[in-house]
């Protein structure tokens, strides 16, 4: 694993500023729970880029 790349990506996503409220914390979710959370947000038409 390229640790430099992992650290760089971590830094880039460390402070999302105004977009932080759009984050779904999936750390304690199963893959099925993650998919469900995303689908629920999509049904609400949340997080779409125009």
Protein backbone atom coordinates (compact mmCIF):
# COMPACT_ATOMS: atom_id res chain seq x y z
CA UNK A 1 0.00 0.00 0.00
CA UNK A 2 1.28 3.44 -0.91
CA UNK A 3 1.18 5.20 2.48
CA UNK A 4 2.09 8.56 0.96
CA UNK A 5 -0.97 8.36 -1.27
CA UNK A 6 -3.17 7.32 1.67
CA UNK A 7 -1.91 10.26 3.73
CA UNK A 8 -2.46 12.68 0.84
CA UNK A 9 -6.02 11.52 0.29
CA UNK A 10 -6.64 11.66 4.04
CA UNK A 11 -5.44 15.26 4.14
CA UNK A 12 -7.65 16.19 1.18
CA UNK A 13 -10.75 14.79 2.86
CA UNK A 14 -9.81 15.87 6.38
CA UNK A 15 -11.54 19.24 6.19
CA UNK A 16 -14.48 19.38 3.82
CA UNK A 17 -15.62 22.77 5.03
CA UNK A 18 -19.13 23.62 3.87
CA UNK A 19 -19.51 20.12 2.39
CA UNK A 20 -19.02 18.35 5.74
CA UNK A 21 -22.79 18.08 6.25
CA UNK A 22 -22.97 15.94 3.10
CA UNK A 23 -20.77 13.22 4.57
CA UNK A 24 -22.25 9.85 5.48
CA UNK A 25 -20.15 8.29 8.23
CA UNK A 26 -20.01 4.63 7.25
CA UNK A 27 -17.37 3.59 9.77
CA UNK A 28 -19.81 1.49 11.78
CA UNK A 29 -22.08 0.48 8.89
CA UNK A 30 -22.18 -2.77 7.00
CA UNK A 31 -22.05 -2.61 3.20
CA UNK A 32 -25.83 -3.15 3.10
CA UNK A 33 -26.41 -0.33 5.60
CA UNK A 34 -24.16 1.96 3.55
CA UNK A 35 -26.10 1.22 0.37
CA UNK A 36 -29.37 1.82 2.22
CA UNK A 37 -28.14 5.18 3.56
CA UNK A 38 -27.06 6.28 0.09
CA UNK A 39 -30.34 5.17 -1.49
CA UNK A 40 -32.31 7.05 1.18
CA UNK A 41 -30.37 10.22 0.43
CA UNK A 42 -30.93 9.72 -3.29
CA UNK A 43 -34.69 9.32 -2.77
CA UNK A 44 -34.65 12.67 -0.99
CA UNK A 45 -32.73 14.05 -3.98
CA UNK A 46 -29.91 15.05 -1.69
CA UNK A 47 -26.32 15.44 -2.87
CA UNK A 48 -26.94 15.86 -6.56
CA UNK A 49 -24.61 18.11 -8.50
CA UNK A 50 -26.21 20.40 -10.99
